[in-house]
Amino acid sequence: MRFHIILQTKQAERPFTIILDDPLANSYIQNLYAPDPDPNMTIEMYERTFEQNEELGLNDIKVEGYELADNSEDSAQQPEEKGQ
C-alpha cells in the first residue's frame, strides 16, 4: 500500500508538500514562473536558533576585532626598521 502512495506522488497523481528546512540557505528550488512569484511555493525567512548555530559551529566565530589581532601578528613578525 505504501508503495502505491509513493508511486502516485512520483507521478503527480497525488498532492504532496515538501518542507525544506535549510538553516544555511544552501538549497535551490527553481521557480518555473520567474520572474513572477510561484503561486505554489511559500518562502519563509527565519532566524536560526542557538542550537542550530551551535551545530553549525557559528556560535564560536569571532566576528569583531579580528582585524586588529591579524595586524598585531603581522607587526610582531616584521620588525620595523629604524633610522635611515
N, C-alpha and C. Protein backbone atom coordinates (compact mmCIF):
# COMPACT_ATOMS: atom_id res chain seq x y z
N MET A 1 0.82 -1.19 0.00
CA MET A 1 0.00 0.00 0.00
C MET A 1 0.87 1.26 0.00
N ARG A 2 1.93 1.29 0.82
CA ARG A 2 2.80 2.45 0.89
C ARG A 2 3.44 2.72 -0.48
N PHE A 3 3.85 1.68 -1.15
CA PHE A 3 4.49 1.84 -2.45
C PHE A 3 3.54 2.51 -3.43
N HIS A 4 2.26 2.17 -3.36
CA HIS A 4 1.26 2.76 -4.25
C HIS A 4 1.16 4.27 -4.02
N ILE A 5 1.21 4.68 -2.76
CA ILE A 5 1.16 6.12 -2.43
C ILE A 5 2.40 6.83 -2.97
N ILE A 6 3.55 6.21 -2.79
CA ILE A 6 4.80 6.81 -3.30
C ILE A 6 4.76 6.92 -4.81
N LEU A 7 4.27 5.89 -5.47
CA LEU A 7 4.18 5.91 -6.93
C LEU A 7 3.23 7.00 -7.41
N GLN A 8 2.08 7.15 -6.76
CA GLN A 8 1.14 8.21 -7.12
C GLN A 8 1.76 9.60 -6.93
N THR A 9 2.50 9.76 -5.85
CA THR A 9 3.15 11.04 -5.59
C THR A 9 4.19 11.33 -6.66
N LYS A 10 4.99 10.32 -6.98
CA LYS A 10 6.03 10.48 -8.00
C LYS A 10 5.44 10.88 -9.35
N GLN A 11 4.29 10.34 -9.68
CA GLN A 11 3.65 10.62 -10.97
C GLN A 11 2.72 11.84 -10.90
N ALA A 12 2.78 12.57 -9.78
CA ALA A 12 1.98 13.79 -9.56
C ALA A 12 0.49 13.51 -9.65
N GLU A 13 0.08 12.31 -9.27
CA GLU A 13 -1.33 11.97 -9.22
C GLU A 13 -1.91 12.22 -7.83
N ARG A 14 -1.06 12.49 -6.89
CA ARG A 14 -1.48 12.70 -5.51
C ARG A 14 -0.80 13.98 -5.02
N PRO A 15 -1.55 14.90 -4.41
CA PRO A 15 -0.93 16.14 -3.91
C PRO A 15 0.04 15.83 -2.76
N PHE A 16 1.10 16.63 -2.69
CA PHE A 16 2.09 16.46 -1.62
C PHE A 16 2.72 17.80 -1.31
N THR A 17 3.35 17.86 -0.16
CA THR A 17 4.04 19.07 0.29
C THR A 17 5.46 18.69 0.68
N ILE A 18 6.40 19.50 0.24
CA ILE A 18 7.80 19.33 0.63
C ILE A 18 8.16 20.50 1.54
N ILE A 19 8.68 20.19 2.71
CA ILE A 19 9.15 21.23 3.62
C ILE A 19 10.66 21.12 3.65
N LEU A 20 11.32 22.16 3.17
CA LEU A 20 12.77 22.18 3.10
C LEU A 20 13.27 23.17 4.14
N ASP A 21 13.87 22.65 5.21
CA ASP A 21 14.41 23.49 6.28
C ASP A 21 15.92 23.53 6.09
N ASP A 22 16.42 24.67 5.62
CA ASP A 22 17.84 24.81 5.30
C ASP A 22 18.40 26.01 6.04
N PRO A 23 18.95 25.81 7.24
CA PRO A 23 19.43 26.94 8.03
C PRO A 23 20.58 27.72 7.42
N LEU A 24 21.32 27.14 6.48
CA LEU A 24 22.41 27.87 5.84
C LEU A 24 22.03 28.46 4.48
N ALA A 25 20.80 28.20 4.04
CA ALA A 25 20.30 28.71 2.75
C ALA A 25 21.18 28.25 1.59
N ASN A 26 21.56 26.99 1.59
CA ASN A 26 22.38 26.42 0.53
C ASN A 26 21.56 25.67 -0.52
N SER A 27 20.25 25.69 -0.39
CA SER A 27 19.39 24.94 -1.31
C SER A 27 18.83 25.85 -2.39
N TYR A 28 18.46 25.24 -3.47
CA TYR A 28 17.87 26.00 -4.58
C TYR A 28 16.70 25.21 -5.14
N ILE A 29 15.58 25.86 -5.26
CA ILE A 29 14.41 25.29 -5.92
C ILE A 29 14.05 26.25 -7.04
N GLN A 30 14.01 25.75 -8.25
CA GLN A 30 13.76 26.62 -9.39
C GLN A 30 12.30 27.06 -9.44
N ASN A 31 12.11 28.33 -9.65
CA ASN A 31 10.79 28.91 -9.83
C ASN A 31 10.47 28.90 -11.32
N LEU A 32 9.56 28.06 -11.73
CA LEU A 32 9.21 27.96 -13.15
C LEU A 32 8.39 29.16 -13.64
N TYR A 33 7.92 29.98 -12.70
CA TYR A 33 7.12 31.15 -13.06
C TYR A 33 7.96 32.43 -13.10
N ALA A 34 9.25 32.32 -12.83
CA ALA A 34 10.12 33.50 -12.74
C ALA A 34 10.00 34.36 -13.99
N PRO A 35 10.02 35.66 -13.85
CA PRO A 35 10.30 36.46 -12.67
C PRO A 35 9.10 36.67 -11.75
N ASP A 36 7.94 36.11 -12.07
CA ASP A 36 6.78 36.22 -11.19
C ASP A 36 6.90 35.23 -10.04
N PRO A 37 6.23 35.50 -8.93
CA PRO A 37 6.27 34.56 -7.81
C PRO A 37 5.56 33.25 -8.18
N ASP A 38 6.04 32.16 -7.63
CA ASP A 38 5.42 30.85 -7.84
C ASP A 38 4.22 30.74 -6.91
N PRO A 39 3.01 30.56 -7.44
CA PRO A 39 1.82 30.50 -6.59
C PRO A 39 1.79 29.25 -5.70
N ASN A 40 2.60 28.27 -6.02
CA ASN A 40 2.60 27.03 -5.25
C ASN A 40 3.74 26.94 -4.24
N MET A 41 4.53 28.01 -4.12
CA MET A 41 5.69 27.99 -3.24
C MET A 41 5.58 29.08 -2.19
N THR A 42 5.89 28.71 -0.96
CA THR A 42 5.93 29.67 0.13
C THR A 42 7.36 29.74 0.66
N ILE A 43 7.91 30.94 0.74
CA ILE A 43 9.26 31.12 1.25
C ILE A 43 9.14 31.82 2.60
N GLU A 44 9.71 31.22 3.62
CA GLU A 44 9.68 31.80 4.95
C GLU A 44 11.11 32.01 5.43
N MET A 45 11.46 33.25 5.74
CA MET A 45 12.77 33.57 6.30
C MET A 45 12.65 33.49 7.82
N TYR A 46 13.68 33.00 8.48
CA TYR A 46 13.65 32.89 9.93
C TYR A 46 15.05 33.00 10.49
N GLU A 47 15.12 33.32 11.77
CA GLU A 47 16.39 33.38 12.48
C GLU A 47 16.73 31.97 12.96
N ARG A 48 17.99 31.58 12.79
CA ARG A 48 18.42 30.28 13.30
C ARG A 48 18.38 30.30 14.82
N THR A 49 18.09 29.14 15.41
CA THR A 49 18.11 29.03 16.86
C THR A 49 19.54 28.90 17.34
N PHE A 50 19.75 29.10 18.63
CA PHE A 50 21.08 28.93 19.22
C PHE A 50 21.59 27.52 18.96
N GLU A 51 20.71 26.53 19.07
CA GLU A 51 21.09 25.14 18.86
C GLU A 51 21.53 24.89 17.42
N GLN A 52 20.82 25.47 16.45
CA GLN A 52 21.22 25.33 15.05
C GLN A 52 22.58 25.96 14.81
N ASN A 53 22.79 27.16 15.37
CA ASN A 53 24.09 27.81 15.23
C ASN A 53 25.19 27.00 15.89
N GLU A 54 24.88 26.37 17.02
CA GLU A 54 25.86 25.54 17.72
C GLU A 54 26.24 24.33 16.86
N GLU A 55 25.25 23.67 16.27
CA GLU A 55 25.52 22.52 15.40
C GLU A 55 26.39 22.91 14.21
N LEU A 56 26.20 24.12 13.70
CA LEU A 56 26.94 24.59 12.53
C LEU A 56 28.28 25.23 12.91
N GLY A 57 28.57 25.34 14.21
CA GLY A 57 29.83 25.94 14.65
C GLY A 57 29.87 27.44 14.52
N LEU A 58 28.71 28.08 14.48
CA LEU A 58 28.67 29.52 14.25
C LEU A 58 28.71 30.34 15.53
N ASN A 59 28.46 29.71 16.67
CA ASN A 59 28.46 30.45 17.94
C ASN A 59 29.86 30.82 18.39
N ASP A 60 30.87 30.12 17.91
CA ASP A 60 32.24 30.36 18.36
C ASP A 60 33.06 31.21 17.39
N ILE A 61 32.44 31.70 16.35
CA ILE A 61 33.16 32.50 15.36
C ILE A 61 33.37 33.91 15.91
N LYS A 62 34.61 34.39 15.81
CA LYS A 62 34.92 35.75 16.21
C LYS A 62 34.66 36.65 15.01
N VAL A 63 33.68 37.55 15.14
CA VAL A 63 33.30 38.40 14.00
C VAL A 63 33.68 39.87 14.20
N GLU A 64 34.16 40.22 15.39
CA GLU A 64 34.54 41.61 15.63
C GLU A 64 35.96 41.66 16.20
N GLY A 65 36.75 42.59 15.71
CA GLY A 65 38.08 42.81 16.24
C GLY A 65 39.13 41.85 15.73
N TYR A 66 38.80 40.97 14.83
CA TYR A 66 39.79 40.02 14.33
C TYR A 66 40.83 40.71 13.44
N GLU A 67 40.46 41.84 12.83
CA GLU A 67 41.42 42.57 12.01
C GLU A 67 42.58 43.05 12.87
N LEU A 68 42.29 43.51 14.07
CA LEU A 68 43.33 44.01 14.96
C LEU A 68 44.27 42.88 15.37
N ALA A 69 43.73 41.72 15.63
CA ALA A 69 44.55 40.57 16.01
C ALA A 69 45.46 40.17 14.85
N ASP A 70 44.95 40.19 13.64
CA ASP A 70 45.76 39.84 12.47
C ASP A 70 46.88 40.85 12.26
N ASN A 71 46.58 42.14 12.41
CA ASN A 71 47.59 43.18 12.23
C ASN A 71 48.69 43.10 13.28
N SER A 72 48.33 42.79 14.52
CA SER A 72 49.34 42.71 15.57
C SER A 72 50.26 41.52 15.34
N GLU A 73 49.75 40.42 14.78
CA GLU A 73 50.59 39.27 14.46
C GLU A 73 51.55 39.63 13.33
N ASP A 74 51.09 40.38 12.32
CA ASP A 74 51.95 40.78 11.20
C ASP A 74 53.07 41.69 11.69
N SER A 75 52.74 42.64 12.57
CA SER A 75 53.76 43.57 13.04
C SER A 75 54.75 42.86 13.95
N ALA A 76 54.33 41.83 14.65
CA ALA A 76 55.25 41.07 15.51
C ALA A 76 56.22 40.26 14.66
N GLN A 77 55.82 39.84 13.49
CA GLN A 77 56.67 39.03 12.63
C GLN A 77 57.65 39.89 11.84
N GLN A 78 57.28 41.14 11.54
CA GLN A 78 58.13 42.02 10.74
C GLN A 78 58.54 43.22 11.59
N PRO A 79 59.75 43.18 12.15
CA PRO A 79 60.16 44.33 12.98
C PRO A 79 60.33 45.58 12.12
N GLU A 80 60.02 46.70 12.71
CA GLU A 80 60.13 47.97 11.98
C GLU A 80 61.62 48.37 11.88
N GLU A 81 61.98 48.96 10.74
CA GLU A 81 63.35 49.45 10.54
C GLU A 81 63.44 50.85 11.14
N LYS A 82 64.54 51.11 11.84
CA LYS A 82 64.69 52.42 12.49
C LYS A 82 65.82 53.21 11.84
N GLY A 83 65.61 54.50 11.76
CA GLY A 83 66.58 55.49 11.35
C GLY A 83 67.37 55.22 10.07
N GLN A 84 66.89 55.68 9.00
CA GLN A 84 67.67 55.65 7.75
C GLN A 84 67.76 57.01 7.18
